[in-house]
Structure formats: structure tokens, C-alpha cells
Amino acid sequence: MSRTKRITLGLTAGALALGAGLGVTGMASAAETPTPSATASAVSTASTDGSAATDSGKRGGHKGGDRGQLAADLATKLGVEEAKVTEAIQAFRDANKPTAAADGTAPAEGTRPDRSAMDAAMAKSLAESLGVEESKVTAALEEIRAAGQAERAAALKTRLDTAVTDGKLTQAEADAVTKAVEAGVIGGGGR
């Protein structure tokens, strides 16, 4: 086989794997799981290890996520009323909405503020609003984010395993998608 054909086949296989990965992650993010309405009993759903038991596959803190779930999870972890947490989160978001640049133009599409700086600012703001130590809020936010990333990674693995079993992807293609997600090249499993 000529070198040009091998390169073409290699690029095509890579593009197919990337396209399949994007399709799989798109399907994973499009699947909606109904979220139970928040109630006063949300605090009592903590399991014996102290983590919140949730039925929702989505977490707050990421685009398209269930923001109410973030408040419920934080309320459980911090031992604070969910309504207070919801109010504090909304106040932080209102105070930190993207604003127009000095020349009056809107922020550039696709630009994001520094995530770690925003996380630190949110933890500080919530700690002040809720009367909780900032380190506790930071730890709770990190636990919630890690749990959400683990859930998304597990869901992606399940979908990729199913695609391999169904013959839609080879194991090598599924591995390539997993590697691309872990490297942050494409979304799907969190970073």
C-alpha cells in the first residue's frame, strides 16, 4: 500500500474515531434524567459516608447542568438550608455576570474566565453569605465537582463499551475517544 493511502486511511480512521466520540458525548449530554423536586428532606438523603444520594446524572457547575442540584448538594455537605445556598449562589452569579468591555463590545464568544479564580471567588462569597468556613465550602465544591466528573466518565465508558459491543466502534476507537476526553481534546468526561 502506498504511503499516501496509509496516511489517508490513518487520518480517516482518526477522524471517524473523533466524530464517533463527539457523537457519543453529544448523546451522553443530551440524555435527560428527570430530577426530583427539592424538598426539605434533601438534607436527610445523605448516605452513611456523608455524601448526598442523588438520582440525577447531572451536576451543577457545568454548562447545561442542573444548578439546583449544586445547591442541594452544597446544602447537604455544609449542613445549611438549601434555600440559603440557592440564594447565595444566585447572588454570586448575578455579581459575576460577564460584562461588556470598556469599548462597549460584548465579551468574545468562547472566552472564559480563569476557572480556579472563579472557584475561589465563589467559595469565598458563599462562605461569607452562609457563615461557613471558606475551606469547608472549597472542599465541598471540589467533592461535588469530582463526583460529577466521575459520573460523566462512567457514563461515557458505558456508552463506549456499548458501542464496541454493538459493533459501532472498535475497541481501539473507543480507547482513542477515552484518551481524547482525558486529554481535554474533546468534552465528555470532565478534566
Protein backbone atom coordinates (compact mmCIF):
# COMPACT_ATOMS: atom_id res chain seq x y z
CA MET A 1 0.00 0.00 0.00
CA SER A 2 1.39 3.39 -0.87
CA ARG A 3 2.41 5.83 1.79
CA THR A 4 -0.25 8.32 0.69
CA LYS A 5 -3.00 5.71 1.07
CA ARG A 6 -1.77 4.72 4.53
CA ILE A 7 -1.70 8.34 5.66
CA THR A 8 -5.16 8.91 4.19
CA LEU A 9 -6.52 5.80 5.90
CA GLY A 10 -4.91 6.80 9.20
CA LEU A 11 -6.37 10.30 9.04
CA THR A 12 -9.76 8.91 8.10
CA ALA A 13 -9.70 6.45 11.00
CA GLY A 14 -8.73 9.25 13.38
CA ALA A 15 -11.49 11.50 12.06
CA LEU A 16 -14.02 8.67 12.42
CA ALA A 17 -12.93 8.00 15.99
CA LEU A 18 -13.12 11.69 16.85
CA GLY A 19 -16.52 12.01 15.14
CA ALA A 20 -17.82 8.95 16.95
CA GLY A 21 -16.53 10.33 20.23
CA LEU A 22 -18.22 13.65 19.65
CA GLY A 23 -21.42 11.83 18.74
CA VAL A 24 -21.21 9.65 21.85
CA THR A 25 -20.50 12.61 24.11
CA GLY A 26 -23.31 14.52 22.43
CA MET A 27 -25.68 11.66 23.13
CA ALA A 28 -24.41 11.45 26.70
CA SER A 29 -25.03 15.14 27.30
CA ALA A 30 -28.41 15.05 25.54
CA ALA A 31 -29.81 12.28 27.71
CA GLU A 32 -32.04 13.88 30.28
CA THR A 33 -32.76 12.36 33.61
CA PRO A 34 -35.70 13.80 35.49
CA THR A 35 -34.62 15.49 38.67
CA PRO A 36 -36.82 15.20 41.73
CA SER A 37 -38.01 18.50 43.11
CA ALA A 38 -36.02 19.85 46.01
CA THR A 39 -37.65 19.44 49.39
CA ALA A 40 -36.76 19.86 53.00
CA SER A 41 -35.92 16.16 53.06
CA ALA A 42 -32.91 16.72 50.78
CA VAL A 43 -30.69 17.05 53.83
CA SER A 44 -31.87 13.68 55.13
CA THR A 45 -30.80 11.86 51.95
CA ALA A 46 -27.15 11.79 52.97
CA SER A 47 -25.71 8.30 52.99
CA THR A 48 -23.64 6.84 55.79
CA ASP A 49 -20.42 8.18 54.27
CA GLY A 50 -21.82 11.72 54.31
CA SER A 51 -22.26 12.07 50.58
CA ALA A 52 -25.60 13.07 49.11
CA ALA A 53 -27.64 10.37 47.43
CA THR A 54 -28.87 11.70 44.11
CA ASP A 55 -30.83 10.26 41.26
CA SER A 56 -29.67 12.88 38.79
CA GLY A 57 -26.78 12.19 36.44
CA LYS A 58 -26.23 15.92 36.01
CA ARG A 59 -24.41 18.17 38.39
CA GLY A 60 -24.30 21.90 38.84
CA GLY A 61 -21.26 23.88 37.85
CA HIS A 62 -21.11 22.85 34.23
CA LYS A 63 -22.84 24.19 31.17
CA GLY A 64 -26.35 22.82 30.90
CA GLY A 65 -26.19 21.19 34.32
CA ASP A 66 -28.88 21.21 36.96
CA ARG A 67 -27.91 24.24 39.00
CA GLY A 68 -30.48 23.36 41.66
CA GLN A 69 -28.58 20.14 42.25
CA LEU A 70 -25.45 22.11 43.13
CA ALA A 71 -27.38 24.00 45.79
CA ALA A 72 -28.89 20.77 47.15
CA ASP A 73 -25.51 19.03 47.28
CA LEU A 74 -23.82 22.02 48.94
CA ALA A 75 -26.64 22.36 51.47
CA THR A 76 -26.24 18.70 52.40
CA LYS A 77 -22.44 18.85 52.67
CA LEU A 78 -22.41 22.13 54.61
CA GLY A 79 -25.45 21.49 56.82
CA VAL A 80 -27.15 24.68 55.64
CA GLU A 81 -30.69 25.26 54.35
CA GLU A 82 -30.92 24.72 50.61
CA ALA A 83 -32.85 27.97 50.10
CA LYS A 84 -29.97 29.95 51.66
CA VAL A 85 -27.45 28.19 49.45
CA THR A 86 -29.57 28.81 46.35
CA GLU A 87 -29.85 32.49 47.23
CA ALA A 88 -26.10 32.79 47.88
CA ILE A 89 -25.24 31.08 44.57
CA GLN A 90 -27.63 33.33 42.65
CA ALA A 91 -26.20 36.43 44.31
CA PHE A 92 -22.68 35.34 43.35
CA ARG A 93 -23.72 34.66 39.74
CA ASP A 94 -25.53 37.98 39.48
CA ALA A 95 -22.48 39.83 40.81
CA ASN A 96 -20.15 37.98 38.41
CA LYS A 97 -22.05 38.08 35.12
CA PRO A 98 -19.84 38.80 32.13
CA THR A 99 -19.91 42.50 31.32
CA ALA A 100 -19.18 44.46 28.19
CA ALA A 101 -15.59 45.51 27.59
CA ALA A 102 -14.51 49.10 28.16
CA ASP A 103 -15.11 49.88 24.48
CA GLY A 104 -18.72 48.65 24.80
CA THR A 105 -18.25 45.37 22.97
CA ALA A 106 -19.54 42.12 24.37
CA PRO A 107 -17.07 39.55 25.69
CA ALA A 108 -15.59 37.45 22.91
CA GLU A 109 -17.55 34.29 22.14
CA GLY A 110 -15.93 31.24 23.69
CA THR A 111 -13.77 33.15 26.16
CA ARG A 112 -13.96 32.00 29.74
CA PRO A 113 -12.64 33.46 32.95
CA ASP A 114 -9.96 31.57 34.85
CA ARG A 115 -11.79 28.61 36.41
CA SER A 116 -9.67 28.34 39.55
CA ALA A 117 -10.03 32.08 40.23
CA MET A 118 -13.80 31.85 39.79
CA ASP A 119 -13.97 28.79 42.05
CA ALA A 120 -12.01 30.59 44.75
CA ALA A 121 -14.18 33.70 44.43
CA MET A 122 -17.34 31.59 44.60
CA ALA A 123 -16.11 29.72 47.68
CA LYS A 124 -15.25 33.00 49.41
CA SER A 125 -18.59 34.57 48.52
CA LEU A 126 -20.61 31.53 49.63
CA ALA A 127 -18.63 31.24 52.86
CA GLU A 128 -19.38 34.87 53.70
CA SER A 129 -23.06 34.59 52.75
CA LEU A 130 -23.64 31.33 54.60
CA GLY A 131 -21.43 31.92 57.64
CA VAL A 132 -19.35 28.82 56.92
CA GLU A 133 -15.57 28.47 56.81
CA GLU A 134 -14.20 29.07 53.33
CA SER A 135 -12.14 25.87 53.48
CA LYS A 136 -15.31 23.83 54.07
CA VAL A 137 -17.03 25.44 51.09
CA THR A 138 -13.96 24.87 48.90
CA ALA A 139 -13.75 21.22 49.95
CA ALA A 140 -17.47 20.68 49.33
CA LEU A 141 -17.28 22.27 45.86
CA GLU A 142 -14.27 20.10 44.98
CA GLU A 143 -16.06 16.94 46.17
CA ILE A 144 -19.15 17.80 44.14
CA ARG A 145 -17.09 18.53 41.02
CA ALA A 146 -15.10 15.29 41.41
CA ALA A 147 -18.29 13.27 41.84
CA GLY A 148 -19.80 14.86 38.74
CA GLN A 149 -16.69 14.18 36.70
CA ALA A 150 -16.64 10.57 37.86
CA GLU A 151 -20.31 10.16 36.90
CA ARG A 152 -19.73 11.63 33.43
CA ALA A 153 -16.63 9.47 32.88
CA ALA A 154 -18.53 6.34 33.94
CA ALA A 155 -21.44 7.22 31.64
CA LEU A 156 -19.06 7.78 28.73
CA LYS A 157 -17.31 4.46 29.41
CA THR A 158 -20.66 2.67 29.46
CA ARG A 159 -21.68 4.24 26.15
CA LEU A 160 -18.34 3.43 24.54
CA ASP A 161 -18.47 -0.16 25.81
CA THR A 162 -21.97 -0.49 24.35
CA ALA A 163 -20.81 0.95 21.03
CA VAL A 164 -17.97 -1.58 20.92
CA THR A 165 -20.31 -4.45 21.83
CA ASP A 166 -22.80 -3.32 19.16
CA GLY A 167 -20.03 -3.16 16.56
CA LYS A 168 -20.35 0.60 16.04
CA LEU A 169 -16.78 1.20 17.24
CA THR A 170 -13.70 -0.91 17.58
CA GLN A 171 -12.02 -1.13 20.98
CA ALA A 172 -9.12 0.91 19.56
CA GLU A 173 -11.54 3.68 18.52
CA ALA A 174 -13.21 3.66 21.94
CA ASP A 175 -9.80 3.85 23.59
CA ALA A 176 -8.90 6.79 21.34
CA VAL A 177 -12.07 8.63 22.35
CA THR A 178 -11.35 7.97 26.03
CA LYS A 179 -7.80 9.24 25.61
CA ALA A 180 -9.03 12.38 23.81
CA VAL A 181 -11.52 13.10 26.59
CA GLU A 182 -8.92 12.58 29.32
CA ALA A 183 -6.51 14.89 27.47
CA GLY A 184 -9.18 17.59 27.18
CA VAL A 185 -9.19 17.47 23.37
CA ILE A 186 -12.95 16.79 23.37
CA GLY A 187 -15.54 17.11 26.13
CA GLY A 188 -17.38 14.31 27.80
CA GLY A 189 -15.68 13.09 30.92
CA GLY A 190 -14.54 16.21 32.68
CA ARG A 191 -10.98 17.25 33.31
